[in-house]
Amino acid sequence: MWNAIASYIASDSPFYASSVIRQIVALTRRPEQFPFAGRKLPEFDDDTLRELIAYSYRIIYRVEAVEIVVAAVIHGKRDLGQ
């Protein structure tokens, strides 16, 4: 997942690609300590589906009983309703 995002961004700016990936990776660690810190997904009525934002990317995760599952990292303009 990270390689595809980094490659896409790096075609315009290798520096920006590195910054985005570092931020995404750092944010994926946050829910371990604060699982409900991310905002509830507006597309779904489910308190366990959350998101954090890194630049223009959405880090979507699910809070489960014993673990946090990162479901997707997608560009913010992508519509989840489809």
C-alpha atoms as a PDB file:
ATOM      1  CA  MET A   1       0.000   0.000   0.000  1.00  0.00           C
ATOM      2  CA  TRP A   2       2.698   2.508   0.991  1.00  0.00           C
ATOM      3  CA  ASN A   3       4.758   1.801  -2.128  1.00  0.00           C
ATOM      4  CA  ALA A   4       1.870   2.578  -4.481  1.00  0.00           C
ATOM      5  CA  ILE A   5       1.138   5.881  -2.742  1.00  0.00           C
ATOM      6  CA  ALA A   6       4.812   6.832  -2.558  1.00  0.00           C
ATOM      7  CA  SER A   7       5.419   5.977  -6.220  1.00  0.00           C
ATOM      8  CA  TYR A   8       2.422   7.984  -7.353  1.00  0.00           C
ATOM      9  CA  ILE A   9       3.417  11.080  -5.375  1.00  0.00           C
ATOM     10  CA  ALA A  10       7.139  10.715  -6.146  1.00  0.00           C
ATOM     11  CA  SER A  11       6.491  11.198  -9.850  1.00  0.00           C
ATOM     12  CA  ASP A  12       5.888  14.868  -8.956  1.00  0.00           C
ATOM     13  CA  SER A  13       7.937  15.257  -5.772  1.00  0.00           C
ATOM     14  CA  PRO A  14      10.102  12.625  -4.038  1.00  0.00           C
ATOM     15  CA  PHE A  15      10.406  14.900  -0.994  1.00  0.00           C
ATOM     16  CA  TYR A  16       6.634  15.287  -0.640  1.00  0.00           C
ATOM     17  CA  ALA A  17       6.178  11.526  -1.123  1.00  0.00           C
ATOM     18  CA  SER A  18       8.525  10.842   1.771  1.00  0.00           C
ATOM     19  CA  SER A  19       6.723  13.369   4.004  1.00  0.00           C
ATOM     20  CA  VAL A  20       3.305  11.933   3.234  1.00  0.00           C
ATOM     21  CA  ILE A  21       4.377   8.346   3.912  1.00  0.00           C
ATOM     22  CA  ARG A  22       6.071   9.315   7.198  1.00  0.00           C
ATOM     23  CA  GLN A  23       2.890  11.085   8.330  1.00  0.00           C
ATOM     24  CA  ILE A  24       0.639   8.174   7.316  1.00  0.00           C
ATOM     25  CA  VAL A  25       2.829   5.653   9.156  1.00  0.00           C
ATOM     26  CA  ALA A  26       2.952   7.844  12.265  1.00  0.00           C
ATOM     27  CA  LEU A  27      -0.827   8.246  12.304  1.00  0.00           C
ATOM     28  CA  THR A  28      -1.439   4.508  11.947  1.00  0.00           C
ATOM     29  CA  ARG A  29       0.208   4.108  15.360  1.00  0.00           C
ATOM     30  CA  ARG A  30      -2.048   6.611  17.158  1.00  0.00           C
ATOM     31  CA  PRO A  31      -5.178   4.410  17.475  1.00  0.00           C
ATOM     32  CA  GLU A  32      -3.202   1.877  19.549  1.00  0.00           C
ATOM     33  CA  GLN A  33      -3.353   4.292  22.485  1.00  0.00           C
ATOM     34  CA  PHE A  34      -6.432   6.330  21.539  1.00  0.00           C
ATOM     35  CA  PRO A  35      -8.695   4.104  19.424  1.00  0.00           C
ATOM     36  CA  PHE A  36     -11.584   6.572  19.204  1.00  0.00           C
ATOM     37  CA  ALA A  37      -9.423   9.642  18.540  1.00  0.00           C
ATOM     38  CA  GLY A  38     -10.209   9.550  14.828  1.00  0.00           C
ATOM     39  CA  ARG A  39     -13.461  10.972  13.606  1.00  0.00           C
ATOM     40  CA  LYS A  40     -16.405   8.722  12.802  1.00  0.00           C
ATOM     41  CA  LEU A  41     -16.738   8.056   9.069  1.00  0.00           C
ATOM     42  CA  PRO A  42     -19.457  10.335   7.700  1.00  0.00           C
ATOM     43  CA  GLU A  43     -20.453   7.741   5.074  1.00  0.00           C
ATOM     44  CA  PHE A  44     -21.427   5.070   7.614  1.00  0.00           C
ATOM     45  CA  ASP A  45     -23.441   4.948  10.828  1.00  0.00           C
ATOM     46  CA  ASP A  46     -20.907   2.794  12.671  1.00  0.00           C
ATOM     47  CA  ASP A  47     -18.990   4.031  15.726  1.00  0.00           C
ATOM     48  CA  THR A  48     -16.213   1.481  15.167  1.00  0.00           C
ATOM     49  CA  LEU A  49     -15.258   2.895  11.752  1.00  0.00           C
ATOM     50  CA  ARG A  50     -12.904   5.854  12.167  1.00  0.00           C
ATOM     51  CA  GLU A  51     -10.523   7.951  10.118  1.00  0.00           C
ATOM     52  CA  LEU A  52      -7.450  10.079  10.537  1.00  0.00           C
ATOM     53  CA  ILE A  53      -6.207  12.530   7.899  1.00  0.00           C
ATOM     54  CA  ALA A  54      -2.646  12.759   6.579  1.00  0.00           C
ATOM     55  CA  TYR A  55      -2.326  15.518   3.991  1.00  0.00           C
ATOM     56  CA  SER A  56      -5.033  14.624   1.462  1.00  0.00           C
ATOM     57  CA  TYR A  57      -5.210  10.927   2.441  1.00  0.00           C
ATOM     58  CA  ARG A  58      -7.760   9.264   4.687  1.00  0.00           C
ATOM     59  CA  ILE A  59      -6.535   6.505   6.996  1.00  0.00           C
ATOM     60  CA  ILE A  60      -9.631   4.409   7.626  1.00  0.00           C
ATOM     61  CA  TYR A  61      -9.602   1.952  10.496  1.00  0.00           C
ATOM     62  CA  ARG A  62     -11.950  -0.233  12.511  1.00  0.00           C
ATOM     63  CA  VAL A  63     -11.857  -0.492  16.298  1.00  0.00           C
ATOM     64  CA  GLU A  64     -12.326  -4.133  17.253  1.00  0.00           C
ATOM     65  CA  ALA A  65     -12.431  -5.791  20.682  1.00  0.00           C
ATOM     66  CA  VAL A  66      -8.732  -6.635  20.876  1.00  0.00           C
ATOM     67  CA  GLU A  67      -7.150  -4.857  17.931  1.00  0.00           C
ATOM     68  CA  ILE A  68      -7.240  -1.910  15.560  1.00  0.00           C
ATOM     69  CA  VAL A  69      -7.461  -2.840  11.879  1.00  0.00           C
ATOM     70  CA  VAL A  70      -6.349  -0.336   9.256  1.00  0.00           C
ATOM     71  CA  ALA A  71      -8.851  -0.982   6.479  1.00  0.00           C
ATOM     72  CA  ALA A  72      -7.611   1.465   3.851  1.00  0.00           C
ATOM     73  CA  VAL A  73      -5.556   4.501   3.030  1.00  0.00           C
ATOM     74  CA  ILE A  74      -7.276   6.393   0.251  1.00  0.00           C
ATOM     75  CA  HIS A  75      -7.144   9.811  -1.345  1.00  0.00           C
ATOM     76  CA  GLY A  76      -9.602  12.212   0.237  1.00  0.00           C
ATOM     77  CA  LYS A  77     -11.436  12.825  -3.042  1.00  0.00           C
ATOM     78  CA  ARG A  78     -12.397   9.177  -3.369  1.00  0.00           C
ATOM     79  CA  ASP A  79     -16.054   8.498  -2.572  1.00  0.00           C
ATOM     80  CA  LEU A  80     -16.630   5.505  -0.284  1.00  0.00           C
ATOM     81  CA  GLY A  81     -20.319   5.423  -1.092  1.00  0.00           C
ATOM     82  CA  GLN A  82     -19.733   3.781  -4.472  1.00  0.00           C
END
